[in-house]
Amino acid sequence: MLTPNEIRRRLRRDLVTIAEAYQIGFESRLYTEAEYGNLKQTLLQLRELNMNPQHMEQLLAING
């Protein structure tokens, strides 16, 4: 199980340039390795789609 701080630290290590571009909020709970893997994969896919943080905010606002 991973804490929010451990996830932030691993994202900075594993996805240096991508993780810093997105402001990701985490709930105060423990996360599984699978959840971390899913988050990491999602960030990589967003980068492949060339979606910057502003695009994500717009997309979430439309779907919200």
N, C-alpha and C. Protein backbone atom coordinates (compact mmCIF):
# COMPACT_ATOMS: atom_id res chain seq x y z
N MET A 1 0.84 -1.18 0.00
CA MET A 1 0.00 0.00 0.00
C MET A 1 0.89 1.25 0.00
N LEU A 2 0.45 2.25 -0.71
CA LEU A 2 1.22 3.49 -0.86
C LEU A 2 0.45 4.68 -0.30
N THR A 3 1.16 5.56 0.36
CA THR A 3 0.54 6.80 0.84
C THR A 3 0.55 7.82 -0.30
N PRO A 4 -0.25 8.89 -0.18
CA PRO A 4 -0.21 9.93 -1.21
C PRO A 4 1.20 10.49 -1.42
N ASN A 5 1.97 10.67 -0.36
CA ASN A 5 3.34 11.19 -0.50
C ASN A 5 4.24 10.21 -1.25
N GLU A 6 4.06 8.92 -1.00
CA GLU A 6 4.86 7.92 -1.72
C GLU A 6 4.51 7.93 -3.21
N ILE A 7 3.24 8.11 -3.52
CA ILE A 7 2.83 8.18 -4.93
C ILE A 7 3.44 9.39 -5.60
N ARG A 8 3.37 10.55 -4.96
CA ARG A 8 3.97 11.76 -5.53
C ARG A 8 5.47 11.56 -5.78
N ARG A 9 6.15 10.98 -4.81
CA ARG A 9 7.60 10.75 -4.93
C ARG A 9 7.90 9.80 -6.09
N ARG A 10 7.13 8.73 -6.21
CA ARG A 10 7.37 7.77 -7.28
C ARG A 10 7.04 8.37 -8.65
N LEU A 11 5.97 9.17 -8.72
CA LEU A 11 5.64 9.81 -9.99
C LEU A 11 6.76 10.75 -10.42
N ARG A 12 7.29 11.52 -9.48
CA ARG A 12 8.41 12.42 -9.81
C ARG A 12 9.62 11.62 -10.29
N ARG A 13 9.84 10.47 -9.70
CA ARG A 13 10.98 9.63 -10.09
C ARG A 13 10.73 8.95 -11.45
N ASP A 14 9.54 8.38 -11.62
CA ASP A 14 9.25 7.58 -12.82
C ASP A 14 8.88 8.42 -14.03
N LEU A 15 8.18 9.52 -13.80
CA LEU A 15 7.67 10.34 -14.91
C LEU A 15 8.02 11.81 -14.68
N VAL A 16 9.27 12.10 -14.59
CA VAL A 16 9.75 13.42 -14.17
C VAL A 16 9.02 14.56 -14.87
N THR A 17 9.08 14.62 -16.18
CA THR A 17 8.51 15.77 -16.88
C THR A 17 6.99 15.73 -16.92
N ILE A 18 6.42 14.55 -16.95
CA ILE A 18 4.96 14.44 -17.02
C ILE A 18 4.32 14.77 -15.67
N ALA A 19 4.84 14.21 -14.60
CA ALA A 19 4.23 14.40 -13.28
C ALA A 19 4.20 15.85 -12.86
N GLU A 20 5.21 16.61 -13.22
CA GLU A 20 5.26 18.01 -12.81
C GLU A 20 4.25 18.87 -13.58
N ALA A 21 3.84 18.43 -14.76
CA ALA A 21 2.91 19.20 -15.57
C ALA A 21 1.49 19.14 -15.03
N TYR A 22 1.13 18.05 -14.38
CA TYR A 22 -0.23 17.87 -13.89
C TYR A 22 -0.28 18.04 -12.38
N GLN A 23 -1.24 18.80 -11.92
CA GLN A 23 -1.47 18.97 -10.49
C GLN A 23 -2.49 17.91 -10.07
N ILE A 24 -2.02 16.87 -9.44
CA ILE A 24 -2.87 15.74 -9.08
C ILE A 24 -3.16 15.79 -7.59
N GLY A 25 -4.43 15.74 -7.26
CA GLY A 25 -4.84 15.70 -5.85
C GLY A 25 -5.09 14.26 -5.43
N PHE A 26 -4.70 13.93 -4.23
CA PHE A 26 -4.89 12.58 -3.72
C PHE A 26 -5.71 12.62 -2.45
N GLU A 27 -6.59 11.65 -2.30
CA GLU A 27 -7.33 11.50 -1.05
C GLU A 27 -6.36 11.01 0.02
N SER A 28 -6.69 11.28 1.25
CA SER A 28 -5.85 10.85 2.36
C SER A 28 -6.19 9.39 2.70
N ARG A 29 -5.61 8.48 1.93
CA ARG A 29 -5.82 7.05 2.13
C ARG A 29 -4.64 6.31 1.53
N LEU A 30 -4.62 5.01 1.70
CA LEU A 30 -3.57 4.19 1.10
C LEU A 30 -4.01 3.73 -0.28
N TYR A 31 -3.07 3.63 -1.18
CA TYR A 31 -3.32 3.23 -2.56
C TYR A 31 -2.58 1.94 -2.86
N THR A 32 -3.14 1.13 -3.74
CA THR A 32 -2.50 -0.12 -4.13
C THR A 32 -1.50 0.13 -5.25
N GLU A 33 -0.65 -0.85 -5.46
CA GLU A 33 0.29 -0.78 -6.59
C GLU A 33 -0.47 -0.70 -7.91
N ALA A 34 -1.60 -1.40 -7.99
CA ALA A 34 -2.40 -1.39 -9.22
C ALA A 34 -2.95 0.01 -9.48
N GLU A 35 -3.40 0.70 -8.45
CA GLU A 35 -3.90 2.07 -8.62
C GLU A 35 -2.78 2.99 -9.09
N TYR A 36 -1.60 2.82 -8.52
CA TYR A 36 -0.45 3.62 -8.95
C TYR A 36 -0.13 3.33 -10.41
N GLY A 37 -0.14 2.06 -10.77
CA GLY A 37 0.13 1.68 -12.15
C GLY A 37 -0.88 2.27 -13.11
N ASN A 38 -2.16 2.27 -12.72
CA ASN A 38 -3.21 2.86 -13.55
C ASN A 38 -3.00 4.36 -13.72
N LEU A 39 -2.65 5.05 -12.64
CA LEU A 39 -2.40 6.49 -12.70
C LEU A 39 -1.22 6.78 -13.63
N LYS A 40 -0.17 6.02 -13.47
CA LYS A 40 1.03 6.20 -14.29
C LYS A 40 0.69 5.99 -15.77
N GLN A 41 -0.06 4.94 -16.07
CA GLN A 41 -0.45 4.65 -17.44
C GLN A 41 -1.33 5.76 -18.01
N THR A 42 -2.26 6.27 -17.19
CA THR A 42 -3.13 7.37 -17.63
C THR A 42 -2.33 8.61 -17.97
N LEU A 43 -1.35 8.95 -17.14
CA LEU A 43 -0.51 10.11 -17.41
C LEU A 43 0.29 9.93 -18.69
N LEU A 44 0.79 8.73 -18.92
CA LEU A 44 1.52 8.46 -20.16
C LEU A 44 0.60 8.60 -21.38
N GLN A 45 -0.62 8.12 -21.26
CA GLN A 45 -1.58 8.23 -22.37
C GLN A 45 -1.96 9.68 -22.63
N LEU A 46 -2.13 10.46 -21.57
CA LEU A 46 -2.43 11.88 -21.74
C LEU A 46 -1.30 12.58 -22.50
N ARG A 47 -0.07 12.23 -22.17
CA ARG A 47 1.07 12.82 -22.85
C ARG A 47 1.09 12.41 -24.32
N GLU A 48 0.79 11.13 -24.59
CA GLU A 48 0.76 10.65 -25.97
C GLU A 48 -0.31 11.40 -26.78
N LEU A 49 -1.43 11.70 -26.13
CA LEU A 49 -2.52 12.43 -26.80
C LEU A 49 -2.25 13.93 -26.86
N ASN A 50 -1.11 14.34 -26.28
CA ASN A 50 -0.71 15.74 -26.25
C ASN A 50 -1.74 16.59 -25.49
N MET A 51 -2.29 16.04 -24.42
CA MET A 51 -3.26 16.77 -23.60
C MET A 51 -2.52 17.46 -22.47
N ASN A 52 -2.52 18.77 -22.51
CA ASN A 52 -1.88 19.50 -21.42
C ASN A 52 -2.88 19.67 -20.27
N PRO A 53 -2.44 20.13 -19.12
CA PRO A 53 -3.34 20.26 -17.97
C PRO A 53 -4.58 21.12 -18.24
N GLN A 54 -4.45 22.17 -19.05
CA GLN A 54 -5.60 23.01 -19.35
C GLN A 54 -6.66 22.23 -20.14
N HIS A 55 -6.22 21.38 -21.06
CA HIS A 55 -7.16 20.53 -21.80
C HIS A 55 -7.89 19.59 -20.86
N MET A 56 -7.16 19.04 -19.90
CA MET A 56 -7.79 18.13 -18.94
C MET A 56 -8.84 18.85 -18.11
N GLU A 57 -8.53 20.07 -17.66
CA GLU A 57 -9.50 20.84 -16.87
C GLU A 57 -10.76 21.11 -17.69
N GLN A 58 -10.59 21.45 -18.96
CA GLN A 58 -11.75 21.69 -19.82
C GLN A 58 -12.55 20.42 -20.02
N LEU A 59 -11.87 19.32 -20.23
CA LEU A 59 -12.55 18.05 -20.43
C LEU A 59 -13.35 17.66 -19.17
N LEU A 60 -12.73 17.82 -18.02
CA LEU A 60 -13.42 17.48 -16.78
C LEU A 60 -14.59 18.42 -16.52
N ALA A 61 -14.47 19.67 -16.88
CA ALA A 61 -15.56 20.62 -16.69
C ALA A 61 -16.74 20.27 -17.60
N ILE A 62 -16.46 19.82 -18.80
CA ILE A 62 -17.52 19.44 -19.73
C ILE A 62 -18.23 18.19 -19.24
N ASN A 63 -17.47 17.22 -18.75
CA ASN A 63 -18.05 15.96 -18.28
C ASN A 63 -18.64 16.05 -16.89
N GLY A 64 -18.28 17.08 -16.14
CA GLY A 64 -18.72 17.22 -14.75
C GLY A 64 -20.08 17.74 -14.68
